[in-house]
N, C-alpha and C. Protein backbone atom coordinates (compact mmCIF):
# COMPACT_ATOMS: atom_id res chain seq x y z
N MET A 1 47.77 91.64 148.38
CA MET A 1 46.58 92.27 147.87
C MET A 1 46.11 91.63 146.57
N ALA A 2 47.04 91.14 145.80
CA ALA A 2 46.70 90.53 144.52
C ALA A 2 45.91 89.24 144.74
N ARG A 3 46.13 88.59 145.86
CA ARG A 3 45.42 87.34 146.12
C ARG A 3 43.94 87.58 146.37
N ASP A 4 43.59 88.72 146.91
CA ASP A 4 42.19 88.99 147.20
C ASP A 4 41.37 89.09 145.92
N ASN A 5 41.99 89.53 144.83
CA ASN A 5 41.26 89.70 143.58
C ASN A 5 41.03 88.37 142.87
N ARG A 6 41.84 87.39 143.13
CA ARG A 6 41.70 86.10 142.45
C ARG A 6 40.63 85.26 143.12
N SER A 7 39.97 84.44 142.31
CA SER A 7 39.01 83.51 142.89
C SER A 7 39.78 82.34 143.48
N THR A 8 39.20 81.71 144.45
CA THR A 8 39.89 80.60 145.09
C THR A 8 39.87 79.39 144.16
N VAL A 9 41.01 78.76 144.04
CA VAL A 9 41.15 77.59 143.19
C VAL A 9 41.21 76.37 144.10
N ARG A 10 40.35 75.42 143.83
CA ARG A 10 40.31 74.21 144.64
C ARG A 10 40.80 73.05 143.80
N LEU A 11 41.70 72.28 144.36
CA LEU A 11 42.23 71.14 143.63
C LEU A 11 41.30 69.93 143.67
N ASP A 12 40.45 69.86 144.69
CA ASP A 12 39.56 68.71 144.76
C ASP A 12 38.32 68.90 143.90
N ALA A 13 38.12 70.07 143.34
CA ALA A 13 37.00 70.33 142.44
C ALA A 13 37.54 71.03 141.20
N PRO A 14 38.17 70.28 140.29
CA PRO A 14 38.80 70.91 139.13
C PRO A 14 37.80 71.46 138.14
N LYS A 15 38.29 72.39 137.35
CA LYS A 15 37.46 72.99 136.32
C LYS A 15 37.29 71.97 135.21
N GLY A 16 36.08 71.60 134.91
CA GLY A 16 35.82 70.57 133.91
C GLY A 16 35.71 71.15 132.52
N LEU A 17 35.58 70.27 131.56
CA LEU A 17 35.45 70.68 130.17
C LEU A 17 33.99 70.86 129.77
N ARG A 18 33.08 70.52 130.65
CA ARG A 18 31.66 70.61 130.33
C ARG A 18 31.16 72.04 130.48
N THR A 19 30.16 72.37 129.69
CA THR A 19 29.54 73.69 129.82
C THR A 19 28.31 73.55 130.72
N ARG A 20 27.96 74.61 131.37
CA ARG A 20 26.80 74.57 132.25
C ARG A 20 25.53 74.72 131.43
N VAL A 21 24.55 73.91 131.74
CA VAL A 21 23.26 73.98 131.05
C VAL A 21 22.43 75.10 131.64
N LEU A 22 22.38 75.14 132.94
CA LEU A 22 21.61 76.18 133.61
C LEU A 22 22.55 77.23 134.18
N PRO A 23 22.31 78.49 133.83
CA PRO A 23 23.18 79.52 134.41
C PRO A 23 22.91 79.63 135.91
N GLY A 24 23.90 79.94 136.62
CA GLY A 24 23.74 80.08 138.06
C GLY A 24 25.10 80.32 138.68
N ARG A 25 25.08 80.51 139.95
CA ARG A 25 26.35 80.79 140.59
C ARG A 25 27.08 79.48 140.85
N ARG A 26 28.37 79.54 140.64
CA ARG A 26 29.23 78.41 140.98
C ARG A 26 29.95 78.78 142.25
N GLY A 27 30.05 77.87 143.10
CA GLY A 27 30.77 78.19 144.32
C GLY A 27 30.57 77.13 145.36
N PRO A 28 30.60 77.56 146.61
CA PRO A 28 30.51 76.59 147.70
C PRO A 28 29.21 75.79 147.69
N GLY A 29 28.11 76.39 147.22
CA GLY A 29 26.83 75.68 147.19
C GLY A 29 26.88 74.49 146.25
N ARG A 30 27.48 74.71 145.09
CA ARG A 30 27.58 73.62 144.12
C ARG A 30 28.53 72.54 144.63
N ASP A 31 29.59 72.97 145.25
CA ASP A 31 30.54 72.01 145.79
C ASP A 31 29.90 71.22 146.94
N ARG A 32 29.10 71.88 147.73
CA ARG A 32 28.41 71.20 148.83
C ARG A 32 27.46 70.14 148.28
N PHE A 33 26.75 70.49 147.19
CA PHE A 33 25.85 69.52 146.56
C PHE A 33 26.64 68.34 146.01
N GLY A 34 27.77 68.62 145.40
CA GLY A 34 28.60 67.54 144.87
C GLY A 34 29.10 66.61 145.97
N ARG A 35 29.51 67.19 147.09
CA ARG A 35 29.95 66.35 148.21
C ARG A 35 28.80 65.52 148.76
N ALA A 36 27.59 66.12 148.79
CA ALA A 36 26.42 65.38 149.27
C ALA A 36 26.10 64.22 148.35
N THR A 37 26.15 64.45 147.03
CA THR A 37 25.88 63.35 146.10
C THR A 37 26.92 62.25 146.23
N GLU A 38 28.16 62.64 146.45
CA GLU A 38 29.19 61.61 146.63
C GLU A 38 28.95 60.80 147.89
N SER A 39 28.54 61.46 148.97
CA SER A 39 28.30 60.71 150.20
C SER A 39 27.10 59.78 150.06
N VAL A 40 26.05 60.23 149.33
CA VAL A 40 24.89 59.37 149.10
C VAL A 40 25.30 58.18 148.23
N ALA A 41 26.03 58.46 147.15
CA ALA A 41 26.46 57.37 146.26
C ALA A 41 27.39 56.41 147.00
N ARG A 42 28.26 56.96 147.83
CA ARG A 42 29.16 56.11 148.60
C ARG A 42 28.36 55.25 149.58
N GLY A 43 27.32 55.84 150.18
CA GLY A 43 26.48 55.09 151.11
C GLY A 43 25.69 54.00 150.41
N MET A 44 25.25 54.26 149.18
CA MET A 44 24.48 53.25 148.45
C MET A 44 25.35 52.07 148.01
N GLY A 45 26.62 52.27 147.98
CA GLY A 45 27.50 51.19 147.55
C GLY A 45 28.01 50.33 148.69
N THR A 46 27.50 50.54 149.87
CA THR A 46 27.98 49.76 151.02
C THR A 46 27.10 48.53 151.25
N PRO A 47 27.63 47.52 151.89
CA PRO A 47 26.80 46.35 152.22
C PRO A 47 25.68 46.70 153.21
N TYR A 48 25.92 47.70 154.06
CA TYR A 48 24.89 48.08 155.03
C TYR A 48 23.64 48.59 154.32
N PHE A 49 23.82 49.35 153.25
CA PHE A 49 22.67 49.85 152.50
C PHE A 49 21.91 48.69 151.88
N LEU A 50 22.62 47.75 151.29
CA LEU A 50 21.96 46.61 150.66
C LEU A 50 21.22 45.77 151.70
N ILE A 51 21.83 45.58 152.85
CA ILE A 51 21.16 44.82 153.92
C ILE A 51 19.94 45.58 154.41
N ALA A 52 20.08 46.89 154.62
CA ALA A 52 18.95 47.70 155.10
C ALA A 52 17.82 47.71 154.07
N LEU A 53 18.13 47.83 152.78
CA LEU A 53 17.09 47.84 151.74
C LEU A 53 16.40 46.48 151.68
N THR A 54 17.17 45.42 151.82
CA THR A 54 16.58 44.07 151.81
C THR A 54 15.67 43.89 153.02
N LEU A 55 16.11 44.31 154.19
CA LEU A 55 15.27 44.20 155.40
C LEU A 55 14.01 45.05 155.27
N PHE A 56 14.14 46.24 154.68
CA PHE A 56 12.98 47.11 154.47
C PHE A 56 11.96 46.42 153.56
N CYS A 57 12.42 45.85 152.45
CA CYS A 57 11.50 45.19 151.51
C CYS A 57 10.85 43.96 152.15
N VAL A 58 11.63 43.18 152.89
CA VAL A 58 11.08 42.00 153.57
C VAL A 58 10.05 42.42 154.61
N ALA A 59 10.35 43.44 155.40
CA ALA A 59 9.41 43.93 156.41
C ALA A 59 8.14 44.46 155.75
N TRP A 60 8.29 45.16 154.64
CA TRP A 60 7.14 45.70 153.89
C TRP A 60 6.24 44.56 153.43
N MET A 61 6.84 43.55 152.84
CA MET A 61 6.05 42.43 152.31
C MET A 61 5.39 41.65 153.44
N ILE A 62 6.13 41.41 154.51
CA ILE A 62 5.55 40.65 155.64
C ILE A 62 4.40 41.43 156.26
N PHE A 63 4.60 42.74 156.47
CA PHE A 63 3.54 43.54 157.08
C PHE A 63 2.30 43.55 156.20
N ASN A 64 2.47 43.74 154.90
CA ASN A 64 1.31 43.83 154.01
C ASN A 64 0.73 42.46 153.67
N THR A 65 1.34 41.40 154.14
CA THR A 65 0.78 40.07 153.93
C THR A 65 0.13 39.55 155.21
N ILE A 66 0.74 39.77 156.36
CA ILE A 66 0.27 39.20 157.62
C ILE A 66 -0.63 40.16 158.40
N ALA A 67 -0.43 41.43 158.27
CA ALA A 67 -1.17 42.41 159.08
C ALA A 67 -2.67 42.32 158.77
N PRO A 68 -3.48 42.79 159.73
CA PRO A 68 -4.93 42.80 159.48
C PRO A 68 -5.26 43.63 158.23
N GLU A 69 -6.35 43.28 157.60
CA GLU A 69 -6.76 43.90 156.33
C GLU A 69 -6.88 45.42 156.46
N ALA A 70 -7.29 45.93 157.56
CA ALA A 70 -7.49 47.38 157.73
C ALA A 70 -6.16 48.12 157.81
N TRP A 71 -5.14 47.43 158.27
CA TRP A 71 -3.84 48.09 158.42
C TRP A 71 -2.98 48.02 157.15
N ARG A 72 -3.29 47.15 156.24
CA ARG A 72 -2.50 46.98 155.02
C ARG A 72 -2.65 48.20 154.12
N PHE A 73 -1.56 48.64 153.55
CA PHE A 73 -1.59 49.78 152.62
C PHE A 73 -1.06 49.42 151.24
N ASP A 74 -0.55 48.20 151.08
CA ASP A 74 -0.07 47.75 149.77
C ASP A 74 -0.45 46.28 149.65
N SER A 75 -1.21 45.96 148.65
CA SER A 75 -1.76 44.62 148.53
C SER A 75 -0.78 43.69 147.82
N ALA A 76 -0.65 42.51 148.37
CA ALA A 76 0.17 41.48 147.73
C ALA A 76 -0.53 40.96 146.49
N ALA A 77 -1.84 41.09 146.45
CA ALA A 77 -2.62 40.59 145.31
C ALA A 77 -2.30 41.36 144.04
N ILE A 78 -2.01 42.64 144.16
CA ILE A 78 -1.68 43.42 142.96
C ILE A 78 -0.18 43.64 142.80
N GLY A 79 0.63 42.88 143.51
CA GLY A 79 2.08 42.88 143.30
C GLY A 79 2.85 43.96 144.04
N PHE A 80 2.36 44.38 145.19
CA PHE A 80 3.05 45.39 145.99
C PHE A 80 3.39 46.62 145.14
N THR A 81 2.38 47.26 144.63
CA THR A 81 2.53 48.40 143.73
C THR A 81 3.27 49.56 144.41
N ALA A 82 2.93 49.86 145.65
CA ALA A 82 3.58 50.98 146.35
C ALA A 82 5.07 50.69 146.56
N LEU A 83 5.40 49.46 146.91
CA LEU A 83 6.81 49.09 147.08
C LEU A 83 7.56 49.21 145.76
N THR A 84 6.93 48.76 144.69
CA THR A 84 7.55 48.87 143.37
C THR A 84 7.77 50.33 143.01
N LEU A 85 6.80 51.19 143.31
CA LEU A 85 6.94 52.62 143.04
C LEU A 85 8.08 53.23 143.86
N ILE A 86 8.17 52.87 145.12
CA ILE A 86 9.24 53.39 145.98
C ILE A 86 10.61 52.94 145.47
N LEU A 87 10.73 51.67 145.12
CA LEU A 87 12.02 51.16 144.62
C LEU A 87 12.38 51.79 143.28
N SER A 88 11.37 52.04 142.43
CA SER A 88 11.63 52.69 141.14
C SER A 88 12.11 54.12 141.35
N LEU A 89 11.48 54.85 142.28
CA LEU A 89 11.92 56.22 142.57
C LEU A 89 13.33 56.22 143.14
N GLN A 90 13.59 55.28 144.03
CA GLN A 90 14.94 55.19 144.60
C GLN A 90 15.96 54.92 143.51
N ALA A 91 15.66 54.03 142.59
CA ALA A 91 16.59 53.71 141.50
C ALA A 91 16.75 54.89 140.55
N SER A 92 15.64 55.60 140.28
CA SER A 92 15.72 56.73 139.34
C SER A 92 16.53 57.88 139.92
N TYR A 93 16.57 58.03 141.24
CA TYR A 93 17.42 59.06 141.84
C TYR A 93 18.84 58.55 142.08
N ALA A 94 18.98 57.26 142.31
CA ALA A 94 20.30 56.72 142.61
C ALA A 94 21.22 56.78 141.39
N ALA A 95 20.68 56.48 140.22
CA ALA A 95 21.52 56.45 139.01
C ALA A 95 22.16 57.82 138.73
N PRO A 96 21.39 58.91 138.70
CA PRO A 96 22.04 60.21 138.45
C PRO A 96 23.00 60.63 139.57
N LEU A 97 22.66 60.30 140.82
CA LEU A 97 23.58 60.63 141.91
C LEU A 97 24.90 59.88 141.76
N ILE A 98 24.81 58.63 141.36
CA ILE A 98 26.04 57.86 141.15
C ILE A 98 26.83 58.43 139.98
N LEU A 99 26.14 58.84 138.91
CA LEU A 99 26.82 59.44 137.77
C LEU A 99 27.49 60.76 138.14
N LEU A 100 26.80 61.58 138.94
CA LEU A 100 27.41 62.83 139.40
C LEU A 100 28.67 62.55 140.22
N ALA A 101 28.58 61.59 141.11
CA ALA A 101 29.75 61.24 141.92
C ALA A 101 30.88 60.72 141.04
N GLN A 102 30.54 59.93 140.02
CA GLN A 102 31.57 59.42 139.11
C GLN A 102 32.20 60.56 138.31
N ASN A 103 31.40 61.53 137.89
CA ASN A 103 31.95 62.68 137.16
C ASN A 103 32.93 63.46 138.03
N ARG A 104 32.55 63.68 139.28
CA ARG A 104 33.46 64.38 140.18
C ARG A 104 34.73 63.58 140.40
N GLN A 105 34.59 62.27 140.53
CA GLN A 105 35.77 61.43 140.70
C GLN A 105 36.63 61.45 139.44
N ASP A 106 36.00 61.45 138.27
CA ASP A 106 36.76 61.55 137.02
C ASP A 106 37.54 62.85 136.95
N ASP A 107 36.90 63.94 137.38
CA ASP A 107 37.59 65.24 137.39
C ASP A 107 38.79 65.21 138.34
N ARG A 108 38.59 64.64 139.51
CA ARG A 108 39.70 64.53 140.47
C ARG A 108 40.80 63.64 139.92
N ASP A 109 40.40 62.54 139.28
CA ASP A 109 41.40 61.64 138.69
C ASP A 109 42.17 62.34 137.59
N ARG A 110 41.48 63.16 136.79
CA ARG A 110 42.15 63.89 135.72
C ARG A 110 43.18 64.86 136.29
N VAL A 111 42.80 65.57 137.34
CA VAL A 111 43.74 66.50 137.98
C VAL A 111 44.90 65.72 138.59
N GLN A 112 44.60 64.61 139.25
CA GLN A 112 45.65 63.80 139.86
C GLN A 112 46.58 63.23 138.80
N PHE A 113 46.01 62.81 137.67
CA PHE A 113 46.83 62.28 136.58
C PHE A 113 47.75 63.37 136.04
N GLU A 114 47.22 64.57 135.88
CA GLU A 114 48.04 65.68 135.38
C GLU A 114 49.16 66.01 136.36
N GLN A 115 48.84 66.03 137.65
CA GLN A 115 49.86 66.29 138.65
C GLN A 115 50.91 65.18 138.67
N ASP A 116 50.46 63.93 138.54
CA ASP A 116 51.41 62.82 138.49
C ASP A 116 52.30 62.91 137.26
N ARG A 117 51.72 63.31 136.12
CA ARG A 117 52.50 63.45 134.90
C ARG A 117 53.55 64.54 135.06
N GLN A 118 53.14 65.68 135.63
CA GLN A 118 54.10 66.77 135.84
C GLN A 118 55.19 66.35 136.82
N ARG A 119 54.81 65.63 137.87
CA ARG A 119 55.79 65.15 138.84
C ARG A 119 56.75 64.17 138.17
N ALA A 120 56.21 63.30 137.31
CA ALA A 120 57.07 62.34 136.61
C ALA A 120 58.03 63.06 135.66
N GLU A 121 57.55 64.12 135.00
CA GLU A 121 58.43 64.90 134.12
C GLU A 121 59.54 65.56 134.92
N ARG A 122 59.18 66.13 136.09
CA ARG A 122 60.21 66.75 136.94
C ARG A 122 61.21 65.70 137.42
N ASN A 123 60.71 64.53 137.82
CA ASN A 123 61.61 63.47 138.27
C ASN A 123 62.53 63.02 137.15
N LEU A 124 61.98 62.91 135.94
CA LEU A 124 62.81 62.51 134.80
C LEU A 124 63.87 63.56 134.51
N ALA A 125 63.48 64.83 134.56
CA ALA A 125 64.45 65.91 134.32
C ALA A 125 65.53 65.90 135.41
N ASP A 126 65.12 65.70 136.65
CA ASP A 126 66.10 65.63 137.75
C ASP A 126 67.03 64.44 137.58
N THR A 127 66.47 63.31 137.19
CA THR A 127 67.28 62.11 136.99
C THR A 127 68.27 62.30 135.86
N GLU A 128 67.81 62.90 134.76
CA GLU A 128 68.72 63.15 133.63
C GLU A 128 69.83 64.12 134.04
N TYR A 129 69.48 65.16 134.81
CA TYR A 129 70.48 66.11 135.28
C TYR A 129 71.51 65.40 136.16
N LEU A 130 71.03 64.58 137.09
CA LEU A 130 71.95 63.87 137.98
C LEU A 130 72.83 62.89 137.19
N ALA A 131 72.25 62.25 136.18
CA ALA A 131 73.06 61.33 135.36
C ALA A 131 74.15 62.09 134.62
N ARG A 132 73.81 63.27 134.08
CA ARG A 132 74.83 64.08 133.41
C ARG A 132 75.91 64.51 134.39
N GLU A 133 75.52 64.87 135.60
CA GLU A 133 76.49 65.28 136.61
C GLU A 133 77.41 64.11 136.98
N VAL A 134 76.85 62.91 137.12
CA VAL A 134 77.66 61.74 137.46
C VAL A 134 78.66 61.46 136.35
N VAL A 135 78.20 61.56 135.09
CA VAL A 135 79.11 61.33 133.96
C VAL A 135 80.21 62.39 133.96
N ALA A 136 79.85 63.64 134.21
CA ALA A 136 80.86 64.71 134.26
C ALA A 136 81.86 64.46 135.38
N LEU A 137 81.38 63.99 136.52
CA LEU A 137 82.29 63.68 137.62
C LEU A 137 83.22 62.51 137.27
N ARG A 138 82.67 61.50 136.59
CA ARG A 138 83.51 60.37 136.19
C ARG A 138 84.59 60.82 135.22
N ILE A 139 84.21 61.67 134.28
CA ILE A 139 85.20 62.18 133.32
C ILE A 139 86.25 63.01 134.05
N ALA A 140 85.80 63.85 134.97
CA ALA A 140 86.74 64.68 135.73
C ALA A 140 87.66 63.81 136.58
N MET A 141 87.12 62.75 137.16
CA MET A 141 87.94 61.86 137.98
C MET A 141 88.94 61.09 137.12
N ARG A 142 88.54 60.75 135.89
CA ARG A 142 89.45 60.05 135.00
C ARG A 142 90.61 60.96 134.61
N ASP A 143 90.31 62.25 134.39
CA ASP A 143 91.34 63.21 134.02
C ASP A 143 92.18 63.65 135.21
N MET A 144 91.69 63.42 136.39
CA MET A 144 92.37 63.87 137.60
C MET A 144 93.51 62.91 137.94
N ALA A 145 94.60 63.47 138.40
CA ALA A 145 95.76 62.64 138.76
C ALA A 145 95.51 61.94 140.08
N SER A 146 95.89 60.67 140.13
CA SER A 146 95.71 59.92 141.37
C SER A 146 96.94 60.11 142.26
N LYS A 147 96.84 59.66 143.50
CA LYS A 147 97.98 59.77 144.42
C LYS A 147 99.16 58.96 143.93
N ASP A 148 98.88 57.76 143.42
CA ASP A 148 99.97 56.91 142.93
C ASP A 148 100.67 57.56 141.75
N PHE A 149 99.88 58.16 140.85
CA PHE A 149 100.47 58.82 139.69
C PHE A 149 101.35 59.99 140.13
N ILE A 150 100.86 60.78 141.08
CA ILE A 150 101.63 61.94 141.57
C ILE A 150 102.91 61.46 142.26
N ARG A 151 102.82 60.40 143.07
CA ARG A 151 104.01 59.85 143.73
C ARG A 151 105.04 59.40 142.69
N ALA A 152 104.55 58.68 141.68
CA ALA A 152 105.48 58.19 140.65
C ALA A 152 106.13 59.36 139.92
N GLU A 153 105.35 60.39 139.61
CA GLU A 153 105.91 61.56 138.93
C GLU A 153 106.94 62.27 139.82
N LEU A 154 106.60 62.43 141.09
CA LEU A 154 107.54 63.08 142.02
C LEU A 154 108.82 62.25 142.18
N ARG A 155 108.68 60.93 142.25
CA ARG A 155 109.88 60.08 142.35
C ARG A 155 110.74 60.20 141.11
N SER A 156 110.09 60.19 139.93
CA SER A 156 110.88 60.30 138.70
C SER A 156 111.56 61.66 138.63
N MET A 157 110.86 62.73 139.06
CA MET A 157 111.48 64.06 139.07
C MET A 157 112.64 64.11 140.07
N LEU A 158 112.45 63.48 141.22
CA LEU A 158 113.50 63.45 142.24
C LEU A 158 114.71 62.66 141.73
N ASP A 159 114.44 61.53 141.08
CA ASP A 159 115.54 60.75 140.50
C ASP A 159 116.27 61.56 139.43
N GLU A 160 115.52 62.28 138.62
CA GLU A 160 116.13 63.11 137.57
C GLU A 160 116.98 64.21 138.19
N LEU A 161 116.45 64.84 139.25
CA LEU A 161 117.23 65.88 139.94
C LEU A 161 118.49 65.29 140.57
N ASP A 162 118.36 64.10 141.16
CA ASP A 162 119.54 63.44 141.74
C ASP A 162 120.57 63.15 140.65
N ARG A 163 120.12 62.68 139.49
CA ARG A 163 121.04 62.42 138.38
C ARG A 163 121.72 63.70 137.93
N ARG A 164 120.96 64.77 137.83
CA ARG A 164 121.54 66.06 137.41
C ARG A 164 122.58 66.53 138.42
N ASP A 165 122.22 66.40 139.71
CA ASP A 165 123.18 66.79 140.75
C ASP A 165 124.45 65.95 140.65
N ALA A 166 124.25 64.67 140.44
CA ALA A 166 125.41 63.78 140.32
C ALA A 166 126.23 64.14 139.09
N ASP A 167 125.56 64.41 137.97
CA ASP A 167 126.26 64.80 136.75
C ASP A 167 126.99 66.12 136.94
N GLU A 168 126.32 67.07 137.59
CA GLU A 168 126.95 68.39 137.82
C GLU A 168 128.16 68.26 138.75
N SER A 169 128.02 67.45 139.77
CA SER A 169 129.16 67.29 140.70
C SER A 169 130.31 66.57 140.00
N ASP A 170 129.98 65.62 139.12
CA ASP A 170 131.05 64.95 138.36
C ASP A 170 131.73 65.93 137.42
N THR A 171 130.96 66.75 136.73
CA THR A 171 131.56 67.72 135.80
C THR A 171 132.32 68.79 136.55
N THR A 172 131.85 69.21 137.69
CA THR A 172 132.60 70.22 138.45
C THR A 172 133.88 69.63 139.01
N ARG A 173 133.88 68.38 139.41
CA ARG A 173 135.11 67.74 139.88
C ARG A 173 136.10 67.58 138.73
N ALA A 174 135.54 67.16 137.61
CA ALA A 174 136.42 66.95 136.46
C ALA A 174 136.99 68.27 135.97
N SER A 175 136.21 69.31 135.97
CA SER A 175 136.72 70.61 135.50
C SER A 175 137.60 71.27 136.55
N SER A 176 137.40 71.00 137.79
CA SER A 176 138.23 71.62 138.83
C SER A 176 139.56 70.90 138.98
N ALA A 177 139.67 69.66 138.62
CA ALA A 177 140.94 68.93 138.72
C ALA A 177 141.99 69.51 137.79
N PRO A 178 141.76 69.78 136.49
CA PRO A 178 142.80 70.38 135.66
C PRO A 178 143.13 71.79 136.11
N ALA A 179 142.17 72.49 136.62
CA ALA A 179 142.44 73.86 137.07
C ALA A 179 143.37 73.82 138.27
N ARG A 180 143.25 72.87 139.13
CA ARG A 180 144.11 72.76 140.30
C ARG A 180 145.51 72.37 139.87
N ARG A 181 145.55 71.47 138.89
CA ARG A 181 146.86 71.08 138.39
C ARG A 181 147.57 72.27 137.79
N GLU A 182 146.83 73.06 137.06
CA GLU A 182 147.42 74.26 136.45
C GLU A 182 147.85 75.22 137.52
N GLN A 183 147.07 75.35 138.51
CA GLN A 183 147.39 76.28 139.58
C GLN A 183 148.66 75.81 140.29
N ARG A 184 148.73 74.52 140.52
CA ARG A 184 149.93 73.99 141.16
C ARG A 184 151.14 74.16 140.24
N HIS A 185 150.87 73.91 139.01
CA HIS A 185 151.94 74.05 138.04
C HIS A 185 152.39 75.51 137.94
N ASP A 186 151.48 76.45 137.98
CA ASP A 186 151.80 77.87 137.91
C ASP A 186 152.56 78.31 139.16
N THR A 187 152.20 77.84 140.28
CA THR A 187 152.89 78.23 141.50
C THR A 187 154.30 77.68 141.50
N ARG A 188 154.51 76.53 140.91
CA ARG A 188 155.85 75.98 140.85
C ARG A 188 156.71 76.81 139.91
N HIS A 189 156.13 77.19 138.81
CA HIS A 189 156.89 77.98 137.85
C HIS A 189 157.19 79.36 138.42
N ASP A 190 156.28 79.92 139.14
CA ASP A 190 156.50 81.24 139.72
C ASP A 190 157.61 81.17 140.77
N GLY A 191 157.67 80.10 141.48
CA GLY A 191 158.71 79.93 142.49
C GLY A 191 160.07 79.78 141.85
N HIS A 192 160.20 79.21 140.67
CA HIS A 192 161.48 79.03 140.00
C HIS A 192 161.94 80.33 139.40
N ARG A 193 161.05 81.15 139.01
CA ARG A 193 161.40 82.42 138.38
C ARG A 193 161.95 83.37 139.43
N GLY A 194 161.45 83.30 140.56
CA GLY A 194 161.79 84.28 141.57
C GLY A 194 163.01 84.01 142.24
């Protein structure tokens, strides 16, 4: 429901920094006009337009030079005044249309630049995060015991345990030998007494 209250935001027609000279409604009509000016400006920049305009001017001049006097509507003697007027009107409308199209393109470029900048900032933040994680993993791996280290430690502990067992068995043998001698000696003495 909250979306219904908001106006629609279009990314291809960003909000500009310019103020409106004439008050009026902004909306699809203005955007339609902007798209129309862009298509006209885009059409004027094509080779087909230049070829068509050249052919039109050549046909105009040929017709007004060769055609019978009654059919001519623009005199070559006075410099094709009507043709000059038509070309001047075309140029006077073409320049503002091209400027409008350029302004719209500038607005789109500004929005695209801002989006690219934000994307680059996100990519940089992600890259920095990943670099920190890789460094943390390297540090953790350096602190982590390797298989060879664990094997060596286990072997040294096993050798130490074997030495202890050997030492304990030697001490138990050594301590049990005098006790056996005493026991044998005691049994001999007990037998003589009896």
